[in-house]
Amino acid sequence: MLDKRVTTFVQVVESGSIAKAARVLFLSKVSAKAQMDGLEAEVGVQLLERTTRGVKPTTAGEIFFEGARELAYLADRTLAKTRATSEGERRVVRVGTSVLRPCRPLLDLWDSLGPDKPAISLEIIPFDDDTTSLNEVVDDLGRRIDCFVAPCDSERWRATTNILLLDEMPYCLAVPRSHPLATRELISWDDLDGETIMMVPGGDSPIVSSLRSEIKENHPGISIVGVSTHYDITTFNACEQAGYLLPIYHVWADAHPSMITVPVDWPWRMPYGLVYSKHPSEAMTDFANAIAQTRQI
């Protein structure tokens, strides 16, 4: 087995934080830090630079990271092949889950297939919702995580991953509980005059780009405030504190206790689906084919 300190080091660099890496690997922060200190002591050079914003690899650390990541990949592949040779071994699909991209809907679909579904075991792997972490999950699909379910109107995702569309969900607005619109059953364009909506940049999502264009061209009374490429809980916190509205998907209705999700009288609906590698394992392929039997659109 690969030295656990090397595995932890790779995760620390990818996360940019010892604390985040510890959460992903189900370690305490103290244990993860001790592993990094021990690894640096054994290698004999400083591998990580600690800053007030997290950690980043030193020049030597970058070299070590590239080799360690390749070693971790080879170790994972070797272990998978070794296990696959064991007769009767159940195949495993590693399902990613986060606060805003929970795996529960996928598990429910899997359970709905009943006893005749393929002999595949599911391993649940948590990840963070911030843009850096999510991009890393997408780029590394097939390694630590095989798949996850999420709203998927991203042109980048469509170009670099496989996406199995499962449903289309209403594009709603999250409203602070104290906001007058929180009591509405349906929000109209007239209701939004004078309001501020927080939105991700246009370009990657055709739906977001279309909504941005509609607001700018036809609803000058609505202000738009930008946010990073992907939402995380801090996005909801910022909206709640500032009194802004936030376009969200119906699946996020209970994501933040201080925000109420209200339908809007507009035509946009967001595709929702299973995201997995362009080069999936046999187990992942069989899993996706089985899930395809449940698709609603």
C-alpha atoms as a PDB file:
ATOM      1  CA  MET A   1       0.000   0.000   0.000  1.00  0.00           C
ATOM      2  CA  LEU A   2       1.123   3.570  -0.693  1.00  0.00           C
ATOM      3  CA  ASP A   3       2.542   5.383   2.345  1.00  0.00           C
ATOM      4  CA  LYS A   4      -0.458   7.172   3.851  1.00  0.00           C
ATOM      5  CA  ARG A   5       1.642  10.306   4.314  1.00  0.00           C
ATOM      6  CA  VAL A   6       2.166  10.551   0.553  1.00  0.00           C
ATOM      7  CA  THR A   7      -1.562  10.141  -0.052  1.00  0.00           C
ATOM      8  CA  THR A   8      -2.266  12.845   2.521  1.00  0.00           C
ATOM      9  CA  PHE A   9       0.355  15.122   0.951  1.00  0.00           C
ATOM     10  CA  VAL A  10      -1.290  14.830  -2.472  1.00  0.00           C
ATOM     11  CA  GLN A  11      -4.673  15.705  -0.970  1.00  0.00           C
ATOM     12  CA  VAL A  12      -3.227  18.645   0.978  1.00  0.00           C
ATOM     13  CA  VAL A  13      -1.735  20.158  -2.186  1.00  0.00           C
ATOM     14  CA  GLU A  14      -4.919  19.565  -4.176  1.00  0.00           C
ATOM     15  CA  SER A  15      -7.059  21.078  -1.409  1.00  0.00           C
ATOM     16  CA  GLY A  16      -4.699  23.950  -0.611  1.00  0.00           C
ATOM     17  CA  SER A  17      -5.397  23.339   3.038  1.00  0.00           C
ATOM     18  CA  ILE A  18      -4.421  20.779   5.660  1.00  0.00           C
ATOM     19  CA  ALA A  19      -7.837  21.165   7.310  1.00  0.00           C
ATOM     20  CA  LYS A  20      -9.723  20.518   4.047  1.00  0.00           C
ATOM     21  CA  ALA A  21      -7.536  17.528   3.243  1.00  0.00           C
ATOM     22  CA  ALA A  22      -8.171  16.138   6.716  1.00  0.00           C
ATOM     23  CA  ARG A  23     -11.950  16.358   6.190  1.00  0.00           C
ATOM     24  CA  VAL A  24     -11.744  14.604   2.829  1.00  0.00           C
ATOM     25  CA  LEU A  25      -9.582  11.805   4.245  1.00  0.00           C
ATOM     26  CA  PHE A  26     -11.546  11.496   7.508  1.00  0.00           C
ATOM     27  CA  LEU A  27      -8.501  12.500   9.571  1.00  0.00           C
ATOM     28  CA  SER A  28      -8.146  14.992  12.373  1.00  0.00           C
ATOM     29  CA  LYS A  29      -6.318  18.196  11.468  1.00  0.00           C
ATOM     30  CA  VAL A  30      -3.688  17.334  14.093  1.00  0.00           C
ATOM     31  CA  SER A  31      -3.090  13.910  12.517  1.00  0.00           C
ATOM     32  CA  ALA A  32      -2.815  15.347   8.986  1.00  0.00           C
ATOM     33  CA  LYS A  33      -0.363  18.016  10.148  1.00  0.00           C
ATOM     34  CA  ALA A  34       1.714  15.404  11.982  1.00  0.00           C
ATOM     35  CA  GLN A  35       1.891  13.318   8.802  1.00  0.00           C
ATOM     36  CA  MET A  36       3.122  16.320   6.800  1.00  0.00           C
ATOM     37  CA  ASP A  37       5.726  17.189   9.428  1.00  0.00           C
ATOM     38  CA  GLY A  38       6.917  13.572   9.473  1.00  0.00           C
ATOM     39  CA  LEU A  39       7.069  13.375   5.674  1.00  0.00           C
ATOM     40  CA  GLU A  40       9.139  16.563   5.427  1.00  0.00           C
ATOM     41  CA  ALA A  41      11.465  15.280   8.149  1.00  0.00           C
ATOM     42  CA  GLU A  42      12.018  11.997   6.292  1.00  0.00           C
ATOM     43  CA  VAL A  43      12.481  13.597   2.863  1.00  0.00           C
ATOM     44  CA  GLY A  44      14.808  16.183   4.371  1.00  0.00           C
ATOM     45  CA  VAL A  45      13.447  19.264   2.607  1.00  0.00           C
ATOM     46  CA  GLN A  46      10.513  21.612   3.103  1.00  0.00           C
ATOM     47  CA  LEU A  47       7.655  20.481   0.873  1.00  0.00           C
ATOM     48  CA  LEU A  48       4.885  22.859   1.990  1.00  0.00           C
ATOM     49  CA  GLU A  49       4.791  26.577   2.589  1.00  0.00           C
ATOM     50  CA  ARG A  50       2.326  27.512   5.319  1.00  0.00           C
ATOM     51  CA  THR A  51       0.475  30.821   4.832  1.00  0.00           C
ATOM     52  CA  THR A  52      -2.477  32.540   6.490  1.00  0.00           C
ATOM     53  CA  ARG A  53      -4.608  31.407   3.517  1.00  0.00           C
ATOM     54  CA  GLY A  54      -3.625  27.750   3.633  1.00  0.00           C
ATOM     55  CA  VAL A  55      -0.664  25.879   2.210  1.00  0.00           C
ATOM     56  CA  LYS A  56       1.068  25.640  -1.144  1.00  0.00           C
ATOM     57  CA  PRO A  57       3.943  23.464  -2.329  1.00  0.00           C
ATOM     58  CA  THR A  58       7.477  24.793  -2.378  1.00  0.00           C
ATOM     59  CA  THR A  59       9.545  24.313  -5.528  1.00  0.00           C
ATOM     60  CA  ALA A  60      10.732  20.996  -4.121  1.00  0.00           C
ATOM     61  CA  GLY A  61       7.185  20.231  -3.077  1.00  0.00           C
ATOM     62  CA  GLU A  62       5.904  20.740  -6.611  1.00  0.00           C
ATOM     63  CA  ILE A  63       8.402  18.191  -7.907  1.00  0.00           C
ATOM     64  CA  PHE A  64       7.478  15.771  -5.136  1.00  0.00           C
ATOM     65  CA  PHE A  65       3.771  16.363  -5.775  1.00  0.00           C
ATOM     66  CA  GLU A  66       3.963  15.459  -9.468  1.00  0.00           C
ATOM     67  CA  GLY A  67       5.734  12.209  -8.686  1.00  0.00           C
ATOM     68  CA  ALA A  68       3.494  11.459  -5.711  1.00  0.00           C
ATOM     69  CA  ARG A  69       0.320  12.038  -7.712  1.00  0.00           C
ATOM     70  CA  GLU A  70       1.519   9.713 -10.460  1.00  0.00           C
ATOM     71  CA  LEU A  71       2.528   7.152  -7.840  1.00  0.00           C
ATOM     72  CA  ALA A  72      -0.885   7.425  -6.177  1.00  0.00           C
ATOM     73  CA  TYR A  73      -2.584   6.935  -9.549  1.00  0.00           C
ATOM     74  CA  LEU A  74      -0.494   3.869 -10.339  1.00  0.00           C
ATOM     75  CA  ALA A  75      -1.108   2.486  -6.860  1.00  0.00           C
ATOM     76  CA  ASP A  76      -4.868   2.963  -7.257  1.00  0.00           C
ATOM     77  CA  ARG A  77      -4.861   1.274 -10.671  1.00  0.00           C
ATOM     78  CA  THR A  78      -2.710  -1.593  -9.442  1.00  0.00           C
ATOM     79  CA  LEU A  79      -4.920  -2.122  -6.411  1.00  0.00           C
ATOM     80  CA  ALA A  80      -8.052  -2.046  -8.569  1.00  0.00           C
ATOM     81  CA  LYS A  81      -6.597  -4.616 -10.996  1.00  0.00           C
ATOM     82  CA  THR A  82      -5.474  -6.808  -8.107  1.00  0.00           C
ATOM     83  CA  ARG A  83      -8.896  -6.746  -6.525  1.00  0.00           C
ATOM     84  CA  ALA A  84     -10.547  -7.411  -9.873  1.00  0.00           C
ATOM     85  CA  THR A  85      -8.679 -10.711 -10.169  1.00  0.00           C
ATOM     86  CA  SER A  86     -10.292 -11.978  -6.992  1.00  0.00           C
ATOM     87  CA  GLU A  87     -13.121 -14.263  -8.036  1.00  0.00           C
ATOM     88  CA  GLY A  88     -16.468 -13.076  -6.817  1.00  0.00           C
ATOM     89  CA  GLU A  89     -15.106  -9.657  -5.805  1.00  0.00           C
ATOM     90  CA  ARG A  90     -17.882  -7.032  -5.945  1.00  0.00           C
ATOM     91  CA  ARG A  91     -17.005  -4.112  -8.167  1.00  0.00           C
ATOM     92  CA  VAL A  92     -16.966  -0.659  -6.574  1.00  0.00           C
ATOM     93  CA  VAL A  93     -18.175   2.717  -7.833  1.00  0.00           C
ATOM     94  CA  ARG A  94     -17.046   5.706  -5.772  1.00  0.00           C
ATOM     95  CA  VAL A  95     -19.862   8.260  -5.587  1.00  0.00           C
ATOM     96  CA  GLY A  96     -18.970  11.845  -4.689  1.00  0.00           C
ATOM     97  CA  THR A  97     -21.211  13.857  -2.379  1.00  0.00           C
ATOM     98  CA  SER A  98     -21.229  17.411  -1.019  1.00  0.00           C
ATOM     99  CA  VAL A  99     -23.647  19.848   0.593  1.00  0.00           C
ATOM    100  CA  LEU A 100     -24.850  21.246  -2.750  1.00  0.00           C
ATOM    101  CA  ARG A 101     -24.329  18.078  -4.779  1.00  0.00           C
ATOM    102  CA  PRO A 102     -25.726  15.386  -2.480  1.00  0.00           C
ATOM    103  CA  CYS A 103     -25.658  11.765  -3.567  1.00  0.00           C
ATOM    104  CA  ARG A 104     -29.026  10.881  -1.991  1.00  0.00           C
ATOM    105  CA  PRO A 105     -31.019  11.308  -5.255  1.00  0.00           C
ATOM    106  CA  LEU A 106     -28.587   8.939  -7.011  1.00  0.00           C
ATOM    107  CA  LEU A 107     -28.778   6.371  -4.210  1.00  0.00           C
ATOM    108  CA  ASP A 108     -32.578   6.493  -4.406  1.00  0.00           C
ATOM    109  CA  LEU A 109     -32.432   5.825  -8.150  1.00  0.00           C
ATOM    110  CA  TRP A 110     -30.035   2.942  -7.570  1.00  0.00           C
ATOM    111  CA  ASP A 111     -32.279   1.425  -4.898  1.00  0.00           C
ATOM    112  CA  SER A 112     -35.291   1.736  -7.211  1.00  0.00           C
ATOM    113  CA  LEU A 113     -33.707  -0.830  -9.548  1.00  0.00           C
ATOM    114  CA  GLY A 114     -34.368  -3.550  -6.997  1.00  0.00           C
ATOM    115  CA  PRO A 115     -32.533  -6.852  -6.600  1.00  0.00           C
ATOM    116  CA  ASP A 116     -31.778  -7.292 -10.312  1.00  0.00           C
ATOM    117  CA  LYS A 117     -29.334  -4.381 -10.511  1.00  0.00           C
ATOM    118  CA  PRO A 118     -25.659  -5.132 -11.283  1.00  0.00           C
ATOM    119  CA  ALA A 119     -23.454  -6.479  -8.490  1.00  0.00           C
ATOM    120  CA  ILE A 120     -21.753  -3.160  -7.742  1.00  0.00           C
ATOM    121  CA  SER A 121     -20.894  -1.750  -4.329  1.00  0.00           C
ATOM    122  CA  LEU A 122     -21.105   2.003  -3.809  1.00  0.00           C
ATOM    123  CA  GLU A 123     -18.505   3.893  -1.784  1.00  0.00           C
ATOM    124  CA  ILE A 124     -19.485   7.424  -0.738  1.00  0.00           C
ATOM    125  CA  ILE A 125     -16.675  10.005  -0.984  1.00  0.00           C
ATOM    126  CA  PRO A 126     -17.238  13.557   0.366  1.00  0.00           C
ATOM    127  CA  PHE A 127     -15.853  16.655  -1.358  1.00  0.00           C
ATOM    128  CA  ASP A 128     -16.076  20.431  -0.940  1.00  0.00           C
ATOM    129  CA  ASP A 129     -18.286  22.729  -3.033  1.00  0.00           C
ATOM    130  CA  ASP A 130     -15.829  25.584  -3.568  1.00  0.00           C
ATOM    131  CA  THR A 131     -14.770  26.207  -7.160  1.00  0.00           C
ATOM    132  CA  THR A 132     -11.228  24.861  -6.756  1.00  0.00           C
ATOM    133  CA  SER A 133     -12.336  21.601  -5.133  1.00  0.00           C
ATOM    134  CA  LEU A 134     -15.169  21.037  -7.611  1.00  0.00           C
ATOM    135  CA  ASN A 135     -12.882  21.631 -10.596  1.00  0.00           C
ATOM    136  CA  GLU A 136     -10.400  19.135  -9.154  1.00  0.00           C
ATOM    137  CA  VAL A 137     -13.139  16.527  -8.732  1.00  0.00           C
ATOM    138  CA  VAL A 138     -14.239  16.999 -12.356  1.00  0.00           C
ATOM    139  CA  ASP A 139     -10.677  16.906 -13.693  1.00  0.00           C
ATOM    140  CA  ASP A 140      -9.824  13.754 -11.697  1.00  0.00           C
ATOM    141  CA  LEU A 141     -13.014  11.762 -12.296  1.00  0.00           C
ATOM    142  CA  GLY A 142     -12.168   8.069 -12.364  1.00  0.00           C
ATOM    143  CA  ARG A 143      -9.459   8.328  -9.718  1.00  0.00           C
ATOM    144  CA  ARG A 144     -10.636   9.222  -6.193  1.00  0.00           C
ATOM    145  CA  ILE A 145     -14.239   9.754  -7.299  1.00  0.00           C
ATOM    146  CA  ASP A 146     -15.996   8.000 -10.181  1.00  0.00           C
ATOM    147  CA  CYS A 147     -19.159  10.073 -10.436  1.00  0.00           C
ATOM    148  CA  PHE A 148     -21.529  12.548  -8.806  1.00  0.00           C
ATOM    149  CA  VAL A 149     -24.945  14.004  -9.580  1.00  0.00           C
ATOM    150  CA  ALA A 150     -25.488  17.716 -10.063  1.00  0.00           C
ATOM    151  CA  PRO A 151     -27.080  20.414 -12.195  1.00  0.00           C
ATOM    152  CA  CYS A 152     -25.047  20.147 -15.398  1.00  0.00           C
ATOM    153  CA  ASP A 153     -25.460  23.049 -17.798  1.00  0.00           C
ATOM    154  CA  SER A 154     -21.693  23.543 -18.046  1.00  0.00           C
ATOM    155  CA  GLU A 155     -20.122  23.598 -21.495  1.00  0.00           C
ATOM    156  CA  ARG A 156     -16.772  22.660 -19.934  1.00  0.00           C
ATOM    157  CA  TRP A 157     -18.276  19.614 -18.246  1.00  0.00           C
ATOM    158  CA  ARG A 158     -19.940  18.544 -21.474  1.00  0.00           C
ATOM    159  CA  ALA A 159     -16.607  18.725 -23.289  1.00  0.00           C
ATOM    160  CA  THR A 160     -14.513  16.909 -20.679  1.00  0.00           C
ATOM    161  CA  THR A 161     -16.882  14.403 -19.029  1.00  0.00           C
ATOM    162  CA  ASN A 162     -19.737  12.030 -19.736  1.00  0.00           C
ATOM    163  CA  ILE A 163     -23.108  13.357 -18.600  1.00  0.00           C
ATOM    164  CA  LEU A 164     -26.205  11.195 -18.301  1.00  0.00           C
ATOM    165  CA  LEU A 165     -29.200  13.537 -18.120  1.00  0.00           C
ATOM    166  CA  LEU A 166     -31.730  12.367 -15.554  1.00  0.00           C
ATOM    167  CA  ASP A 167     -34.188  15.206 -15.169  1.00  0.00           C
ATOM    168  CA  GLU A 168     -34.872  18.886 -15.673  1.00  0.00           C
ATOM    169  CA  MET A 169     -35.628  20.975 -12.610  1.00  0.00           C
ATOM    170  CA  PRO A 170     -37.161  24.421 -12.138  1.00  0.00           C
ATOM    171  CA  TYR A 171     -34.737  27.335 -11.922  1.00  0.00           C
ATOM    172  CA  CYS A 172     -35.940  29.173  -8.802  1.00  0.00           C
ATOM    173  CA  LEU A 173     -34.807  32.025  -6.570  1.00  0.00           C
ATOM    174  CA  ALA A 174     -33.475  31.651  -3.038  1.00  0.00           C
ATOM    175  CA  VAL A 175     -34.773  34.551  -0.938  1.00  0.00           C
ATOM    176  CA  PRO A 176     -33.690  35.564   2.601  1.00  0.00           C
ATOM    177  CA  ARG A 177     -36.391  34.675   5.118  1.00  0.00           C
ATOM    178  CA  SER A 178     -36.705  38.332   6.132  1.00  0.00           C
ATOM    179  CA  HIS A 179     -37.235  39.484   2.532  1.00  0.00           C
ATOM    180  CA  PRO A 180     -40.802  40.500   1.485  1.00  0.00           C
ATOM    181  CA  LEU A 181     -40.706  38.069  -1.454  1.00  0.00           C
ATOM    182  CA  ALA A 182     -40.119  35.107   0.871  1.00  0.00           C
ATOM    183  CA  THR A 183     -43.881  34.784   1.414  1.00  0.00           C
ATOM    184  CA  ARG A 184     -44.757  34.675  -2.299  1.00  0.00           C
ATOM    185  CA  GLU A 185     -45.900  31.450  -3.927  1.00  0.00           C
ATOM    186  CA  LEU A 186     -44.628  32.655  -7.310  1.00  0.00           C
ATOM    187  CA  ILE A 187     -42.308  35.554  -8.171  1.00  0.00           C
ATOM    188  CA  SER A 188     -42.943  37.634 -11.310  1.00  0.00           C
ATOM    189  CA  TRP A 189     -40.637  39.929 -13.258  1.00  0.00           C
ATOM    190  CA  ASP A 190     -42.500  42.941 -11.829  1.00  0.00           C
ATOM    191  CA  ASP A 191     -41.724  41.695  -8.314  1.00  0.00           C
ATOM    192  CA  LEU A 192     -38.022  41.788  -9.128  1.00  0.00           C
ATOM    193  CA  ASP A 193     -37.871  45.463 -10.096  1.00  0.00           C
ATOM    194  CA  GLY A 194     -35.415  47.181  -7.752  1.00  0.00           C
ATOM    195  CA  GLU A 195     -33.951  43.886  -6.487  1.00  0.00           C
ATOM    196  CA  THR A 196     -30.366  42.632  -6.658  1.00  0.00           C
ATOM    197  CA  ILE A 197     -29.634  39.144  -7.943  1.00  0.00           C
ATOM    198  CA  MET A 198     -26.321  37.397  -7.349  1.00  0.00           C
ATOM    199  CA  MET A 199     -25.230  35.308 -10.342  1.00  0.00           C
ATOM    200  CA  VAL A 200     -22.236  33.388 -11.668  1.00  0.00           C
ATOM    201  CA  PRO A 201     -20.564  34.747 -14.838  1.00  0.00           C
ATOM    202  CA  GLY A 202     -22.111  33.967 -18.192  1.00  0.00           C
ATOM    203  CA  GLY A 203     -20.358  31.927 -20.838  1.00  0.00           C
ATOM    204  CA  ASP A 204     -19.973  28.425 -19.425  1.00  0.00           C
ATOM    205  CA  SER A 205     -23.708  27.911 -18.816  1.00  0.00           C
ATOM    206  CA  PRO A 206     -26.068  28.717 -21.717  1.00  0.00           C
ATOM    207  CA  ILE A 207     -28.992  29.003 -19.295  1.00  0.00           C
ATOM    208  CA  VAL A 208     -27.187  31.453 -17.022  1.00  0.00           C
ATOM    209  CA  SER A 209     -26.045  33.442 -20.058  1.00  0.00           C
ATOM    210  CA  SER A 210     -29.618  33.582 -21.354  1.00  0.00           C
ATOM    211  CA  LEU A 211     -30.976  34.758 -18.011  1.00  0.00           C
ATOM    212  CA  ARG A 212     -28.260  37.409 -17.707  1.00  0.00           C
ATOM    213  CA  SER A 213     -29.074  38.694 -21.202  1.00  0.00           C
ATOM    214  CA  GLU A 214     -32.798  38.816 -20.435  1.00  0.00           C
ATOM    215  CA  ILE A 215     -32.183  40.900 -17.322  1.00  0.00           C
ATOM    216  CA  LYS A 216     -29.724  43.303 -18.955  1.00  0.00           C
ATOM    217  CA  GLU A 217     -31.795  43.823 -22.111  1.00  0.00           C
ATOM    218  CA  ASN A 218     -35.348  43.872 -20.748  1.00  0.00           C
ATOM    219  CA  HIS A 219     -35.262  44.485 -16.992  1.00  0.00           C
ATOM    220  CA  PRO A 220     -32.981  47.449 -16.245  1.00  0.00           C
ATOM    221  CA  GLY A 221     -34.464  47.799 -12.757  1.00  0.00           C
ATOM    222  CA  ILE A 222     -32.763  44.567 -11.662  1.00  0.00           C
ATOM    223  CA  SER A 223     -29.134  44.733 -10.519  1.00  0.00           C
ATOM    224  CA  ILE A 224     -26.692  41.834 -10.937  1.00  0.00           C
ATOM    225  CA  VAL A 225     -23.857  41.121  -8.517  1.00  0.00           C
ATOM    226  CA  GLY A 226     -21.203  38.632  -9.563  1.00  0.00           C
ATOM    227  CA  VAL A 227     -20.063  35.513  -7.748  1.00  0.00           C
ATOM    228  CA  SER A 228     -17.421  32.881  -8.513  1.00  0.00           C
ATOM    229  CA  THR A 229     -17.955  30.112 -11.050  1.00  0.00           C
ATOM    230  CA  HIS A 230     -19.721  27.778  -8.615  1.00  0.00           C
ATOM    231  CA  TYR A 231     -21.829  28.318  -5.504  1.00  0.00           C
ATOM    232  CA  ASP A 232     -20.863  27.133  -2.058  1.00  0.00           C
ATOM    233  CA  ILE A 233     -22.428  27.826   1.337  1.00  0.00           C
ATOM    234  CA  THR A 234     -20.588  31.142   1.613  1.00  0.00           C
ATOM    235  CA  THR A 235     -22.571  32.291  -1.439  1.00  0.00           C
ATOM    236  CA  PHE A 236     -25.837  31.657   0.391  1.00  0.00           C
ATOM    237  CA  ASN A 237     -24.475  33.406   3.489  1.00  0.00           C
ATOM    238  CA  ALA A 238     -23.524  36.489   1.462  1.00  0.00           C
ATOM    239  CA  CYS A 239     -26.995  36.709  -0.102  1.00  0.00           C
ATOM    240  CA  GLU A 240     -28.751  36.277   3.221  1.00  0.00           C
ATOM    241  CA  GLN A 241     -26.667  39.014   4.851  1.00  0.00           C
ATOM    242  CA  ALA A 242     -26.986  41.479   1.953  1.00  0.00           C
ATOM    243  CA  GLY A 243     -30.648  40.780   1.142  1.00  0.00           C
ATOM    244  CA  TYR A 244     -29.810  39.599  -2.369  1.00  0.00           C
ATOM    245  CA  LEU A 245     -31.695  36.983  -4.380  1.00  0.00           C
ATOM    246  CA  LEU A 246     -29.921  33.895  -5.691  1.00  0.00           C
ATOM    247  CA  PRO A 247     -30.945  31.775  -8.719  1.00  0.00           C
ATOM    248  CA  ILE A 248     -30.834  28.149  -7.595  1.00  0.00           C
ATOM    249  CA  TYR A 249     -32.060  24.738  -8.636  1.00  0.00           C
ATOM    250  CA  HIS A 250     -34.991  23.063  -6.941  1.00  0.00           C
ATOM    251  CA  VAL A 251     -32.710  20.357  -5.524  1.00  0.00           C
ATOM    252  CA  TRP A 252     -31.041  23.070  -3.389  1.00  0.00           C
ATOM    253  CA  ALA A 253     -34.302  24.114  -1.740  1.00  0.00           C
ATOM    254  CA  ASP A 254     -33.096  23.138   1.747  1.00  0.00           C
ATOM    255  CA  ALA A 255     -29.423  24.009   1.297  1.00  0.00           C
ATOM    256  CA  HIS A 256     -29.485  26.995   3.666  1.00  0.00           C
ATOM    257  CA  PRO A 257     -31.872  27.349   6.629  1.00  0.00           C
ATOM    258  CA  SER A 258     -32.074  31.151   6.318  1.00  0.00           C
ATOM    259  CA  MET A 259     -33.095  31.138   2.639  1.00  0.00           C
ATOM    260  CA  ILE A 260     -36.509  30.304   1.194  1.00  0.00           C
ATOM    261  CA  THR A 261     -36.786  28.845  -2.316  1.00  0.00           C
ATOM    262  CA  VAL A 262     -39.567  30.435  -4.408  1.00  0.00           C
ATOM    263  CA  PRO A 263     -40.569  29.506  -7.995  1.00  0.00           C
ATOM    264  CA  VAL A 264     -40.290  32.245 -10.627  1.00  0.00           C
ATOM    265  CA  ASP A 265     -42.528  32.960 -13.604  1.00  0.00           C
ATOM    266  CA  TRP A 266     -39.822  32.441 -16.207  1.00  0.00           C
ATOM    267  CA  PRO A 267     -39.171  29.577 -18.665  1.00  0.00           C
ATOM    268  CA  TRP A 268     -35.740  28.351 -17.607  1.00  0.00           C
ATOM    269  CA  ARG A 269     -35.228  24.826 -16.341  1.00  0.00           C
ATOM    270  CA  MET A 270     -31.880  23.310 -15.436  1.00  0.00           C
ATOM    271  CA  PRO A 271     -30.685  19.875 -16.641  1.00  0.00           C
ATOM    272  CA  TYR A 272     -29.674  17.530 -13.840  1.00  0.00           C
ATOM    273  CA  GLY A 273     -27.608  14.428 -14.321  1.00  0.00           C
ATOM    274  CA  LEU A 274     -24.878  11.933 -13.571  1.00  0.00           C
ATOM    275  CA  VAL A 275     -21.367  13.268 -14.253  1.00  0.00           C
ATOM    276  CA  TYR A 276     -18.553  10.756 -14.810  1.00  0.00           C
ATOM    277  CA  SER A 277     -15.279  10.236 -16.665  1.00  0.00           C
ATOM    278  CA  LYS A 278     -14.908  10.164 -20.443  1.00  0.00           C
ATOM    279  CA  HIS A 279     -12.991   6.942 -19.888  1.00  0.00           C
ATOM    280  CA  PRO A 280     -14.970   5.127 -17.186  1.00  0.00           C
ATOM    281  CA  SER A 281     -14.153   1.789 -15.623  1.00  0.00           C
ATOM    282  CA  GLU A 282     -16.242  -1.229 -16.567  1.00  0.00           C
ATOM    283  CA  ALA A 283     -18.035  -1.008 -13.217  1.00  0.00           C
ATOM    284  CA  MET A 284     -18.818   2.692 -13.764  1.00  0.00           C
ATOM    285  CA  THR A 285     -20.095   1.974 -17.274  1.00  0.00           C
ATOM    286  CA  ASP A 286     -22.412  -0.751 -15.984  1.00  0.00           C
ATOM    287  CA  PHE A 287     -23.553   1.531 -13.173  1.00  0.00           C
ATOM    288  CA  ALA A 288     -24.366   4.371 -15.592  1.00  0.00           C
ATOM    289  CA  ASN A 289     -26.203   2.014 -17.942  1.00  0.00           C
ATOM    290  CA  ALA A 290     -28.297   0.752 -15.033  1.00  0.00           C
ATOM    291  CA  ILE A 291     -29.067   4.291 -13.841  1.00  0.00           C
ATOM    292  CA  ALA A 292     -30.079   5.197 -17.403  1.00  0.00           C
ATOM    293  CA  GLN A 293     -33.058   2.876 -16.990  1.00  0.00           C
ATOM    294  CA  THR A 294     -34.474   5.268 -14.372  1.00  0.00           C
ATOM    295  CA  ARG A 295     -34.092   8.497 -16.365  1.00  0.00           C
ATOM    296  CA  GLN A 296     -37.138  10.741 -16.388  1.00  0.00           C
ATOM    297  CA  ILE A 297     -36.490  12.736 -19.589  1.00  0.00           C
END
